[in-house]
Amino acid sequence: MPLEEVYPDIPDNEGCVLQVTIYVAPDQLPKFFEAYRKVYDACVSEEECTFFSVYEDPEEPGKLSWVEHWTKNPKWLFAVQFKKKEYAEYFKITEPMFVKPREFRWLRQVEGYTTLRKGAKGVTEL
């Protein structure tokens, strides 16, 4: 299902959080991360992207999730961000590796309940 069919109507002045889960054949993970690095680097270099973290499920090899925080709403992501060339290349290379459909959810951050400790393991500071 295309992302644009399910995004919520979040006001223009509110940012959004996108949570994505994908399932990649475990033997394809090195190739996946090679393609993913380009789109990840492009995202985190965007001023509008304030947080991006990728996770793997230790109990289900090949199950990856990530959380993206953006200062813009989903409409902006579709009109501007997702149309960038890095995404087309990423989708073309990685979608054939998926062994289950991609899952995604749009979330709203609850103010006052987000903490990121400076110097935490795995955190790259920009």
N, C-alpha and C. Protein backbone atom coordinates (compact mmCIF):
# COMPACT_ATOMS: atom_id res chain seq x y z
N MET A 1 0.85 -1.18 0.00
CA MET A 1 0.00 0.00 0.00
C MET A 1 0.90 1.24 0.00
N PRO A 2 0.65 2.17 -0.88
CA PRO A 2 1.47 3.39 -0.91
C PRO A 2 1.29 4.20 0.36
N LEU A 3 2.37 4.81 0.81
CA LEU A 3 2.31 5.62 2.03
C LEU A 3 1.27 6.72 1.95
N GLU A 4 1.16 7.38 0.81
CA GLU A 4 0.29 8.54 0.70
C GLU A 4 -1.19 8.24 0.91
N GLU A 5 -1.58 7.00 0.82
CA GLU A 5 -2.99 6.67 1.00
C GLU A 5 -3.43 6.68 2.45
N VAL A 6 -2.50 6.72 3.39
CA VAL A 6 -2.89 6.58 4.79
C VAL A 6 -2.35 7.68 5.70
N TYR A 7 -1.71 8.70 5.18
CA TYR A 7 -1.15 9.68 6.12
C TYR A 7 -2.24 10.56 6.71
N PRO A 8 -2.05 10.94 7.98
CA PRO A 8 -3.06 11.75 8.67
C PRO A 8 -2.97 13.21 8.27
N ASP A 9 -4.02 13.92 8.53
CA ASP A 9 -4.07 15.35 8.23
C ASP A 9 -3.47 16.12 9.40
N ILE A 10 -2.17 16.23 9.41
CA ILE A 10 -1.46 16.94 10.48
C ILE A 10 -1.26 18.38 10.02
N PRO A 11 -1.54 19.37 10.89
CA PRO A 11 -1.40 20.77 10.50
C PRO A 11 0.01 21.10 10.00
N ASP A 12 0.09 22.10 9.12
CA ASP A 12 1.36 22.51 8.53
C ASP A 12 2.40 22.91 9.57
N ASN A 13 1.96 23.47 10.70
CA ASN A 13 2.91 23.96 11.69
C ASN A 13 3.37 22.87 12.66
N GLU A 14 2.93 21.65 12.45
CA GLU A 14 3.30 20.54 13.33
C GLU A 14 4.21 19.58 12.58
N GLY A 15 5.25 19.14 13.21
CA GLY A 15 6.10 18.14 12.60
C GLY A 15 5.45 16.77 12.71
N CYS A 16 6.17 15.75 12.28
CA CYS A 16 5.61 14.40 12.36
C CYS A 16 6.71 13.39 12.63
N VAL A 17 6.27 12.21 13.00
CA VAL A 17 7.17 11.09 13.25
C VAL A 17 6.69 9.94 12.38
N LEU A 18 7.61 9.36 11.64
CA LEU A 18 7.30 8.21 10.80
C LEU A 18 8.05 7.00 11.35
N GLN A 19 7.30 5.94 11.62
CA GLN A 19 7.90 4.68 12.07
C GLN A 19 7.71 3.66 10.96
N VAL A 20 8.81 3.06 10.52
CA VAL A 20 8.78 2.10 9.42
C VAL A 20 9.37 0.77 9.89
N THR A 21 8.75 -0.32 9.48
CA THR A 21 9.31 -1.65 9.72
C THR A 21 9.34 -2.40 8.40
N ILE A 22 10.49 -2.98 8.11
CA ILE A 22 10.64 -3.78 6.89
C ILE A 22 11.20 -5.14 7.26
N TYR A 23 11.02 -6.08 6.36
CA TYR A 23 11.50 -7.44 6.55
C TYR A 23 12.34 -7.80 5.33
N VAL A 24 13.63 -7.97 5.56
CA VAL A 24 14.58 -8.25 4.48
C VAL A 24 15.13 -9.66 4.68
N ALA A 25 15.30 -10.38 3.61
CA ALA A 25 15.94 -11.69 3.71
C ALA A 25 17.30 -11.50 4.39
N PRO A 26 17.58 -12.23 5.47
CA PRO A 26 18.82 -12.01 6.23
C PRO A 26 20.09 -12.02 5.38
N ASP A 27 20.14 -12.88 4.37
CA ASP A 27 21.34 -12.92 3.53
C ASP A 27 21.48 -11.69 2.63
N GLN A 28 20.42 -10.88 2.56
CA GLN A 28 20.43 -9.67 1.75
C GLN A 28 20.77 -8.41 2.57
N LEU A 29 20.94 -8.56 3.89
CA LEU A 29 21.17 -7.38 4.73
C LEU A 29 22.39 -6.55 4.32
N PRO A 30 23.55 -7.14 4.01
CA PRO A 30 24.68 -6.30 3.59
C PRO A 30 24.34 -5.46 2.34
N LYS A 31 23.70 -6.08 1.37
CA LYS A 31 23.31 -5.35 0.15
C LYS A 31 22.26 -4.29 0.47
N PHE A 32 21.32 -4.63 1.37
CA PHE A 32 20.31 -3.66 1.77
C PHE A 32 20.97 -2.43 2.39
N PHE A 33 21.86 -2.65 3.37
CA PHE A 33 22.47 -1.51 4.06
C PHE A 33 23.35 -0.68 3.14
N GLU A 34 23.92 -1.30 2.13
CA GLU A 34 24.70 -0.54 1.15
C GLU A 34 23.80 0.47 0.43
N ALA A 35 22.61 0.06 0.04
CA ALA A 35 21.67 0.97 -0.63
C ALA A 35 21.04 1.93 0.37
N TYR A 36 20.75 1.44 1.56
CA TYR A 36 20.07 2.25 2.59
C TYR A 36 20.94 3.41 3.06
N ARG A 37 22.25 3.20 3.13
CA ARG A 37 23.16 4.23 3.63
C ARG A 37 22.99 5.54 2.86
N LYS A 38 22.80 5.46 1.56
CA LYS A 38 22.67 6.67 0.75
C LYS A 38 21.44 7.48 1.13
N VAL A 39 20.30 6.81 1.28
CA VAL A 39 19.08 7.53 1.62
C VAL A 39 19.11 7.98 3.08
N TYR A 40 19.69 7.16 3.96
CA TYR A 40 19.85 7.55 5.36
C TYR A 40 20.70 8.82 5.46
N ASP A 41 21.86 8.82 4.81
CA ASP A 41 22.74 9.99 4.86
C ASP A 41 22.05 11.23 4.30
N ALA A 42 21.28 11.05 3.24
CA ALA A 42 20.55 12.18 2.66
C ALA A 42 19.52 12.71 3.65
N CYS A 43 18.81 11.82 4.32
CA CYS A 43 17.78 12.24 5.29
C CYS A 43 18.39 13.01 6.45
N VAL A 44 19.42 12.44 7.07
CA VAL A 44 19.96 13.07 8.27
C VAL A 44 20.69 14.37 7.95
N SER A 45 21.00 14.61 6.69
CA SER A 45 21.62 15.88 6.32
C SER A 45 20.58 16.98 6.12
N GLU A 46 19.31 16.61 6.07
CA GLU A 46 18.24 17.59 5.88
C GLU A 46 17.96 18.31 7.19
N GLU A 47 17.88 19.62 7.13
CA GLU A 47 17.60 20.43 8.32
C GLU A 47 16.26 20.04 8.96
N GLU A 48 15.32 19.61 8.15
CA GLU A 48 13.98 19.26 8.65
C GLU A 48 13.94 17.93 9.40
N CYS A 49 14.97 17.12 9.24
CA CYS A 49 15.05 15.83 9.94
C CYS A 49 15.79 16.05 11.26
N THR A 50 15.08 15.90 12.38
CA THR A 50 15.68 16.18 13.68
C THR A 50 16.10 14.92 14.44
N PHE A 51 15.66 13.77 13.99
CA PHE A 51 16.01 12.51 14.66
C PHE A 51 15.80 11.38 13.67
N PHE A 52 16.72 10.43 13.69
CA PHE A 52 16.59 9.25 12.82
C PHE A 52 17.34 8.13 13.52
N SER A 53 16.66 7.05 13.82
CA SER A 53 17.30 5.93 14.49
C SER A 53 16.80 4.62 13.90
N VAL A 54 17.74 3.70 13.65
CA VAL A 54 17.44 2.42 13.02
C VAL A 54 17.65 1.31 14.05
N TYR A 55 16.76 0.31 14.03
CA TYR A 55 16.79 -0.78 15.00
C TYR A 55 16.65 -2.12 14.28
N GLU A 56 17.24 -3.16 14.86
CA GLU A 56 17.03 -4.51 14.35
C GLU A 56 16.42 -5.36 15.46
N ASP A 57 15.65 -6.33 15.07
CA ASP A 57 15.00 -7.22 16.03
C ASP A 57 15.90 -8.43 16.24
N PRO A 58 16.48 -8.59 17.44
CA PRO A 58 17.39 -9.71 17.66
C PRO A 58 16.71 -11.07 17.61
N GLU A 59 15.38 -11.09 17.73
CA GLU A 59 14.65 -12.35 17.70
C GLU A 59 14.12 -12.70 16.31
N GLU A 60 14.21 -11.75 15.38
CA GLU A 60 13.72 -11.99 14.02
C GLU A 60 14.72 -11.41 13.02
N PRO A 61 15.72 -12.19 12.62
CA PRO A 61 16.73 -11.69 11.69
C PRO A 61 16.10 -11.12 10.42
N GLY A 62 16.58 -9.96 10.02
CA GLY A 62 16.07 -9.31 8.83
C GLY A 62 14.94 -8.33 9.09
N LYS A 63 14.42 -8.30 10.31
CA LYS A 63 13.37 -7.33 10.66
C LYS A 63 14.04 -6.06 11.15
N LEU A 64 13.85 -4.99 10.40
CA LEU A 64 14.44 -3.69 10.72
C LEU A 64 13.33 -2.66 10.91
N SER A 65 13.53 -1.78 11.86
CA SER A 65 12.59 -0.67 12.07
C SER A 65 13.39 0.60 12.20
N TRP A 66 12.77 1.70 11.84
CA TRP A 66 13.40 3.00 12.10
C TRP A 66 12.33 4.03 12.42
N VAL A 67 12.80 5.07 13.08
CA VAL A 67 11.94 6.18 13.48
C VAL A 67 12.57 7.45 12.95
N GLU A 68 11.77 8.24 12.27
CA GLU A 68 12.22 9.52 11.72
C GLU A 68 11.37 10.63 12.33
N HIS A 69 12.00 11.67 12.84
CA HIS A 69 11.29 12.86 13.32
C HIS A 69 11.55 13.99 12.32
N TRP A 70 10.48 14.64 11.91
CA TRP A 70 10.58 15.73 10.93
C TRP A 70 9.89 16.98 11.47
N THR A 71 10.42 18.15 11.12
CA THR A 71 9.78 19.40 11.53
C THR A 71 8.61 19.74 10.61
N LYS A 72 8.47 19.03 9.52
CA LYS A 72 7.39 19.26 8.56
C LYS A 72 6.35 18.15 8.68
N ASN A 73 5.18 18.40 8.07
CA ASN A 73 4.11 17.40 8.15
C ASN A 73 4.22 16.38 7.00
N PRO A 74 3.41 15.31 7.04
CA PRO A 74 3.49 14.29 5.99
C PRO A 74 3.27 14.83 4.58
N LYS A 75 2.39 15.81 4.42
CA LYS A 75 2.17 16.37 3.07
C LYS A 75 3.47 16.92 2.50
N TRP A 76 4.26 17.59 3.31
CA TRP A 76 5.54 18.12 2.86
C TRP A 76 6.49 16.98 2.49
N LEU A 77 6.50 15.93 3.31
CA LEU A 77 7.38 14.81 3.01
C LEU A 77 7.09 14.24 1.62
N PHE A 78 5.80 14.13 1.27
CA PHE A 78 5.44 13.60 -0.05
C PHE A 78 5.70 14.59 -1.17
N ALA A 79 5.45 15.86 -0.91
CA ALA A 79 5.62 16.87 -1.95
C ALA A 79 7.08 17.19 -2.21
N VAL A 80 7.93 17.08 -1.19
CA VAL A 80 9.32 17.52 -1.32
C VAL A 80 10.32 16.38 -1.07
N GLN A 81 10.33 15.86 0.13
CA GLN A 81 11.38 14.93 0.54
C GLN A 81 11.37 13.61 -0.24
N PHE A 82 10.23 12.95 -0.28
CA PHE A 82 10.17 11.62 -0.89
C PHE A 82 10.33 11.64 -2.41
N LYS A 83 10.34 12.81 -3.02
CA LYS A 83 10.53 12.91 -4.47
C LYS A 83 12.00 13.04 -4.86
N LYS A 84 12.86 13.08 -3.88
CA LYS A 84 14.29 13.24 -4.17
C LYS A 84 14.84 11.95 -4.77
N LYS A 85 15.85 12.10 -5.61
CA LYS A 85 16.38 10.97 -6.39
C LYS A 85 16.87 9.81 -5.53
N GLU A 86 17.35 10.08 -4.33
CA GLU A 86 17.86 9.00 -3.47
C GLU A 86 16.78 7.98 -3.15
N TYR A 87 15.54 8.44 -3.01
CA TYR A 87 14.44 7.53 -2.66
C TYR A 87 14.13 6.58 -3.82
N ALA A 88 14.07 7.09 -5.03
CA ALA A 88 13.75 6.23 -6.18
C ALA A 88 14.78 5.11 -6.31
N GLU A 89 16.04 5.46 -6.17
CA GLU A 89 17.10 4.46 -6.27
C GLU A 89 17.00 3.46 -5.12
N TYR A 90 16.77 3.96 -3.91
CA TYR A 90 16.64 3.09 -2.74
C TYR A 90 15.50 2.09 -2.92
N PHE A 91 14.31 2.59 -3.32
CA PHE A 91 13.16 1.69 -3.50
C PHE A 91 13.43 0.65 -4.58
N LYS A 92 14.02 1.08 -5.67
CA LYS A 92 14.28 0.16 -6.79
C LYS A 92 15.20 -0.98 -6.36
N ILE A 93 16.21 -0.67 -5.57
CA ILE A 93 17.17 -1.68 -5.15
C ILE A 93 16.64 -2.55 -4.02
N THR A 94 15.97 -1.93 -3.03
CA THR A 94 15.65 -2.66 -1.80
C THR A 94 14.30 -3.37 -1.80
N GLU A 95 13.29 -2.83 -2.45
CA GLU A 95 11.97 -3.46 -2.36
C GLU A 95 11.96 -4.92 -2.81
N PRO A 96 12.73 -5.32 -3.82
CA PRO A 96 12.76 -6.75 -4.17
C PRO A 96 13.34 -7.64 -3.06
N MET A 97 14.04 -7.05 -2.10
CA MET A 97 14.61 -7.81 -0.98
C MET A 97 13.59 -8.08 0.12
N PHE A 98 12.47 -7.39 0.10
CA PHE A 98 11.48 -7.52 1.18
C PHE A 98 10.81 -8.89 1.11
N VAL A 99 10.70 -9.55 2.26
CA VAL A 99 10.04 -10.85 2.32
C VAL A 99 8.63 -10.73 2.88
N LYS A 100 8.28 -9.57 3.38
CA LYS A 100 6.93 -9.23 3.86
C LYS A 100 6.66 -7.79 3.48
N PRO A 101 5.40 -7.39 3.44
CA PRO A 101 5.11 -5.98 3.12
C PRO A 101 5.68 -5.02 4.17
N ARG A 102 6.06 -3.86 3.70
CA ARG A 102 6.54 -2.80 4.58
C ARG A 102 5.40 -2.35 5.48
N GLU A 103 5.71 -2.02 6.72
CA GLU A 103 4.72 -1.50 7.66
C GLU A 103 5.14 -0.09 8.05
N PHE A 104 4.19 0.78 8.21
CA PHE A 104 4.53 2.15 8.62
C PHE A 104 3.39 2.74 9.42
N ARG A 105 3.77 3.69 10.27
CA ARG A 105 2.79 4.42 11.08
C ARG A 105 3.25 5.85 11.21
N TRP A 106 2.29 6.74 11.13
CA TRP A 106 2.55 8.15 11.42
C TRP A 106 2.22 8.37 12.89
N LEU A 107 3.12 9.03 13.59
CA LEU A 107 2.95 9.26 15.02
C LEU A 107 3.10 10.74 15.33
N ARG A 108 2.58 11.13 16.48
CA ARG A 108 2.81 12.47 17.01
C ARG A 108 3.62 12.33 18.28
N GLN A 109 4.65 13.14 18.38
CA GLN A 109 5.49 13.11 19.56
C GLN A 109 4.73 13.73 20.74
N VAL A 110 4.85 13.12 21.90
CA VAL A 110 4.22 13.67 23.11
C VAL A 110 5.24 14.60 23.75
N GLU A 111 4.91 15.88 23.77
CA GLU A 111 5.82 16.88 24.30
C GLU A 111 6.18 16.60 25.75
N GLY A 112 7.44 16.77 26.07
CA GLY A 112 7.90 16.57 27.43
C GLY A 112 8.33 15.15 27.75
N TYR A 113 8.24 14.24 26.77
CA TYR A 113 8.58 12.84 27.01
C TYR A 113 9.58 12.30 25.99
N THR A 114 10.54 13.11 25.62
CA THR A 114 11.60 12.65 24.73
C THR A 114 12.93 13.09 25.32
N THR A 115 13.83 12.16 25.46
CA THR A 115 15.16 12.46 26.00
C THR A 115 16.19 11.73 25.16
N LEU A 116 17.27 12.41 24.89
CA LEU A 116 18.40 11.79 24.21
C LEU A 116 19.65 12.23 24.95
N ARG A 117 20.32 11.30 25.56
CA ARG A 117 21.50 11.62 26.35
C ARG A 117 22.69 11.83 25.43
N LYS A 118 23.34 12.97 25.58
CA LYS A 118 24.52 13.28 24.80
C LYS A 118 25.59 12.22 25.05
N GLY A 119 26.17 11.72 23.99
CA GLY A 119 27.21 10.71 24.12
C GLY A 119 26.70 9.29 24.27
N ALA A 120 25.39 9.09 24.09
CA ALA A 120 24.83 7.74 24.22
C ALA A 120 25.40 6.83 23.13
N LYS A 121 25.47 5.54 23.43
CA LYS A 121 26.02 4.56 22.49
C LYS A 121 25.27 4.61 21.16
N GLY A 122 26.02 4.69 20.08
CA GLY A 122 25.43 4.66 18.76
C GLY A 122 24.87 5.97 18.27
N VAL A 123 24.97 7.03 19.06
CA VAL A 123 24.39 8.32 18.68
C VAL A 123 25.43 9.16 17.96
N THR A 124 25.08 9.64 16.78
CA THR A 124 25.92 10.56 16.03
C THR A 124 25.37 11.95 16.22
N GLU A 125 26.18 12.85 16.72
CA GLU A 125 25.72 14.22 16.93
C GLU A 125 26.03 15.05 15.69
N LEU A 126 25.04 15.83 15.27
CA LEU A 126 25.24 16.69 14.10
C LEU A 126 25.57 18.10 14.54
